[in-house]
Amino acid sequence: MLPTVESPTHGRAAVLCVDDEVTLLDFFTRVLSPEFRVVLAHDGATALELLGGCGPFAVVVSDLSMPGMSGSTFLAEVRSRDPQTVRVMLSGCDHVGGATEVVATVSFQNDGTPPGRVLQNHSPPLS
């Protein structure tokens, strides 16, 4: 269940989507806009500016690999600014190492399970 955060416009919860791939941002808009106010950013720096100006956001979705600022760095900053915001990381990583770094850096889980162990319970990416 999403946190109860209403957007200042339209009374809908806001979702911030951050990705350097325009096709993915278009996809997020098509899928999410019927129910949510969708705000888009092409990089972490722009997204950080939007956090203050267009928020609050119920959910922030970010790509792992982006030019300038990594998704893990960006989501760590989101967490420090608003710990209640749901953070979602997307990645085309086909290895556990990149995803382990994200889980360790951003602290997604709270149960004390080591990041590598959490990832071992998931199936490998589809090819």
C-alpha atoms as a PDB file:
ATOM      1  CA  MET A   1       0.000   0.000   0.000  1.00  0.00           C
ATOM      2  CA  LEU A   2       1.301   3.443  -0.955  1.00  0.00           C
ATOM      3  CA  PRO A   3       1.745   6.155   1.642  1.00  0.00           C
ATOM      4  CA  THR A   4      -1.074   8.675   1.720  1.00  0.00           C
ATOM      5  CA  VAL A   5       0.569  11.558  -0.098  1.00  0.00           C
ATOM      6  CA  GLU A   6      -1.651  13.717  -2.236  1.00  0.00           C
ATOM      7  CA  SER A   7      -0.356  15.840  -5.027  1.00  0.00           C
ATOM      8  CA  PRO A   8      -1.070  19.566  -4.877  1.00  0.00           C
ATOM      9  CA  THR A   9      -2.813  19.156  -8.251  1.00  0.00           C
ATOM     10  CA  HIS A  10      -5.780  16.924  -8.997  1.00  0.00           C
ATOM     11  CA  GLY A  11      -5.749  15.290  -5.530  1.00  0.00           C
ATOM     12  CA  ARG A  12      -3.756  12.347  -6.923  1.00  0.00           C
ATOM     13  CA  ALA A  13      -0.622  10.861  -5.429  1.00  0.00           C
ATOM     14  CA  ALA A  14       2.528  11.853  -7.300  1.00  0.00           C
ATOM     15  CA  VAL A  15       5.152   9.495  -8.717  1.00  0.00           C
ATOM     16  CA  LEU A  16       8.597  10.720  -9.763  1.00  0.00           C
ATOM     17  CA  CYS A  17      10.205   8.610 -12.512  1.00  0.00           C
ATOM     18  CA  VAL A  18      13.906   9.087 -13.264  1.00  0.00           C
ATOM     19  CA  ASP A  19      15.567   7.457 -16.259  1.00  0.00           C
ATOM     20  CA  ASP A  20      17.834   8.543 -19.086  1.00  0.00           C
ATOM     21  CA  GLU A  21      15.850   6.367 -21.525  1.00  0.00           C
ATOM     22  CA  VAL A  22      13.011   8.383 -23.060  1.00  0.00           C
ATOM     23  CA  THR A  23      11.087   5.235 -24.041  1.00  0.00           C
ATOM     24  CA  LEU A  24      10.889   4.133 -20.408  1.00  0.00           C
ATOM     25  CA  LEU A  25       9.721   7.571 -19.278  1.00  0.00           C
ATOM     26  CA  ASP A  26       7.025   7.442 -21.972  1.00  0.00           C
ATOM     27  CA  PHE A  27       6.015   3.996 -20.719  1.00  0.00           C
ATOM     28  CA  PHE A  28       5.730   5.219 -17.118  1.00  0.00           C
ATOM     29  CA  THR A  29       3.555   8.107 -18.252  1.00  0.00           C
ATOM     30  CA  ARG A  30       1.186   5.857 -20.219  1.00  0.00           C
ATOM     31  CA  VAL A  31       0.867   3.273 -17.459  1.00  0.00           C
ATOM     32  CA  LEU A  32       0.778   5.476 -14.369  1.00  0.00           C
ATOM     33  CA  SER A  33      -0.930   8.691 -15.458  1.00  0.00           C
ATOM     34  CA  PRO A  34      -4.509   7.370 -15.293  1.00  0.00           C
ATOM     35  CA  GLU A  35      -4.154   7.004 -11.504  1.00  0.00           C
ATOM     36  CA  PHE A  36      -1.170   9.154 -10.495  1.00  0.00           C
ATOM     37  CA  ARG A  37       0.360  12.519 -11.232  1.00  0.00           C
ATOM     38  CA  VAL A  38       3.565  11.523 -13.025  1.00  0.00           C
ATOM     39  CA  VAL A  39       6.641  13.753 -12.923  1.00  0.00           C
ATOM     40  CA  LEU A  40       9.609  12.851 -15.133  1.00  0.00           C
ATOM     41  CA  ALA A  41      13.346  13.547 -14.955  1.00  0.00           C
ATOM     42  CA  HIS A  42      16.179  12.456 -17.254  1.00  0.00           C
ATOM     43  CA  ASP A  43      18.868  12.479 -14.559  1.00  0.00           C
ATOM     44  CA  GLY A  44      19.419  12.486 -10.821  1.00  0.00           C
ATOM     45  CA  ALA A  45      20.351  16.163 -10.524  1.00  0.00           C
ATOM     46  CA  THR A  46      17.140  17.307 -12.200  1.00  0.00           C
ATOM     47  CA  ALA A  47      15.144  14.857 -10.102  1.00  0.00           C
ATOM     48  CA  LEU A  48      16.610  16.274  -6.884  1.00  0.00           C
ATOM     49  CA  GLU A  49      15.437  19.734  -7.945  1.00  0.00           C
ATOM     50  CA  LEU A  50      11.961  18.344  -8.618  1.00  0.00           C
ATOM     51  CA  LEU A  51      11.782  16.727  -5.161  1.00  0.00           C
ATOM     52  CA  GLY A  52      11.501  20.116  -3.538  1.00  0.00           C
ATOM     53  CA  GLY A  53       9.499  21.890  -6.220  1.00  0.00           C
ATOM     54  CA  CYS A  54       6.958  19.307  -7.364  1.00  0.00           C
ATOM     55  CA  GLY A  55       6.597  16.996  -4.369  1.00  0.00           C
ATOM     56  CA  PRO A  56       5.726  15.425  -2.134  1.00  0.00           C
ATOM     57  CA  PHE A  57       6.006  12.096  -3.943  1.00  0.00           C
ATOM     58  CA  ALA A  58       4.404   8.873  -2.784  1.00  0.00           C
ATOM     59  CA  VAL A  59       6.834   6.869  -4.947  1.00  0.00           C
ATOM     60  CA  VAL A  60      10.153   7.585  -6.641  1.00  0.00           C
ATOM     61  CA  VAL A  61      11.271   5.192  -9.397  1.00  0.00           C
ATOM     62  CA  SER A  62      14.877   5.409 -10.606  1.00  0.00           C
ATOM     63  CA  ASP A  63      17.148   3.650 -13.034  1.00  0.00           C
ATOM     64  CA  LEU A  64      20.406   2.327 -11.555  1.00  0.00           C
ATOM     65  CA  SER A  65      22.732   3.470 -14.350  1.00  0.00           C
ATOM     66  CA  MET A  66      22.384   7.069 -15.422  1.00  0.00           C
ATOM     67  CA  PRO A  67      24.930   9.646 -16.531  1.00  0.00           C
ATOM     68  CA  GLY A  68      26.149  11.994 -13.826  1.00  0.00           C
ATOM     69  CA  MET A  69      24.561  10.493 -10.720  1.00  0.00           C
ATOM     70  CA  SER A  70      23.874   6.812 -10.139  1.00  0.00           C
ATOM     71  CA  GLY A  71      20.422   5.675  -9.129  1.00  0.00           C
ATOM     72  CA  SER A  72      21.751   4.368  -5.825  1.00  0.00           C
ATOM     73  CA  THR A  73      23.219   7.788  -4.966  1.00  0.00           C
ATOM     74  CA  PHE A  74      20.001   9.489  -6.014  1.00  0.00           C
ATOM     75  CA  LEU A  75      17.744   7.170  -3.998  1.00  0.00           C
ATOM     76  CA  ALA A  76      19.975   7.488  -0.946  1.00  0.00           C
ATOM     77  CA  GLU A  77      19.409  11.244  -1.129  1.00  0.00           C
ATOM     78  CA  VAL A  78      15.648  10.717  -1.557  1.00  0.00           C
ATOM     79  CA  ARG A  79      15.710   8.556   1.570  1.00  0.00           C
ATOM     80  CA  SER A  80      17.575  11.189   3.571  1.00  0.00           C
ATOM     81  CA  ARG A  81      15.128  13.923   2.514  1.00  0.00           C
ATOM     82  CA  ASP A  82      11.933  11.926   2.936  1.00  0.00           C
ATOM     83  CA  PRO A  83      12.261   8.465   4.510  1.00  0.00           C
ATOM     84  CA  GLN A  84       8.527   7.781   4.020  1.00  0.00           C
ATOM     85  CA  THR A  85       8.759   7.941   0.229  1.00  0.00           C
ATOM     86  CA  VAL A  86       8.608   4.503  -1.391  1.00  0.00           C
ATOM     87  CA  ARG A  87      11.757   4.035  -3.488  1.00  0.00           C
ATOM     88  CA  VAL A  88      11.939   1.671  -6.472  1.00  0.00           C
ATOM     89  CA  MET A  89      15.144   0.842  -8.327  1.00  0.00           C
ATOM     90  CA  LEU A  90      15.138  -0.364 -11.931  1.00  0.00           C
ATOM     91  CA  SER A  91      18.145  -1.997 -13.493  1.00  0.00           C
ATOM     92  CA  GLY A  92      19.180  -3.776 -16.623  1.00  0.00           C
ATOM     93  CA  CYS A  93      22.057  -5.297 -14.590  1.00  0.00           C
ATOM     94  CA  ASP A  94      22.579  -8.912 -15.400  1.00  0.00           C
ATOM     95  CA  HIS A  95      24.860  -9.511 -12.428  1.00  0.00           C
ATOM     96  CA  VAL A  96      24.210  -9.598  -8.708  1.00  0.00           C
ATOM     97  CA  GLY A  97      27.086  -7.224  -7.857  1.00  0.00           C
ATOM     98  CA  GLY A  98      25.375  -4.073  -9.140  1.00  0.00           C
ATOM     99  CA  ALA A  99      22.117  -4.873  -7.420  1.00  0.00           C
ATOM    100  CA  THR A 100      23.882  -5.780  -4.166  1.00  0.00           C
ATOM    101  CA  GLU A 101      25.523  -2.337  -4.149  1.00  0.00           C
ATOM    102  CA  VAL A 102      22.108  -0.702  -4.447  1.00  0.00           C
ATOM    103  CA  VAL A 103      20.542  -2.681  -1.626  1.00  0.00           C
ATOM    104  CA  ALA A 104      23.516  -2.023   0.650  1.00  0.00           C
ATOM    105  CA  THR A 105      23.744   1.680  -0.191  1.00  0.00           C
ATOM    106  CA  VAL A 106      20.079   2.600  -0.133  1.00  0.00           C
ATOM    107  CA  SER A 107      19.014   0.263   2.684  1.00  0.00           C
ATOM    108  CA  PHE A 108      15.851  -1.121   1.175  1.00  0.00           C
ATOM    109  CA  GLN A 109      15.302  -3.855   3.715  1.00  0.00           C
ATOM    110  CA  ASN A 110      14.964  -3.388   7.434  1.00  0.00           C
ATOM    111  CA  ASP A 111      15.151  -6.980   8.669  1.00  0.00           C
ATOM    112  CA  GLY A 112      18.964  -7.190   8.901  1.00  0.00           C
ATOM    113  CA  THR A 113      19.296  -9.739   6.101  1.00  0.00           C
ATOM    114  CA  PRO A 114      22.612  -9.196   4.271  1.00  0.00           C
ATOM    115  CA  PRO A 115      22.006  -7.767   0.754  1.00  0.00           C
ATOM    116  CA  GLY A 116      23.624 -10.718  -1.047  1.00  0.00           C
ATOM    117  CA  ARG A 117      21.323 -13.173   0.705  1.00  0.00           C
ATOM    118  CA  VAL A 118      18.197 -11.245  -0.276  1.00  0.00           C
ATOM    119  CA  LEU A 119      19.277 -11.302  -3.911  1.00  0.00           C
ATOM    120  CA  GLN A 120      20.122 -15.011  -3.871  1.00  0.00           C
ATOM    121  CA  ASN A 121      16.451 -15.767  -3.276  1.00  0.00           C
ATOM    122  CA  HIS A 122      15.456 -14.156  -6.570  1.00  0.00           C
ATOM    123  CA  SER A 123      15.618 -15.834  -9.933  1.00  0.00           C
ATOM    124  CA  PRO A 124      18.187 -14.662 -12.489  1.00  0.00           C
ATOM    125  CA  PRO A 125      17.164 -12.000 -15.038  1.00  0.00           C
ATOM    126  CA  LEU A 126      15.306 -13.120 -18.119  1.00  0.00           C
ATOM    127  CA  SER A 127      17.324 -13.172 -21.308  1.00  0.00           C
END
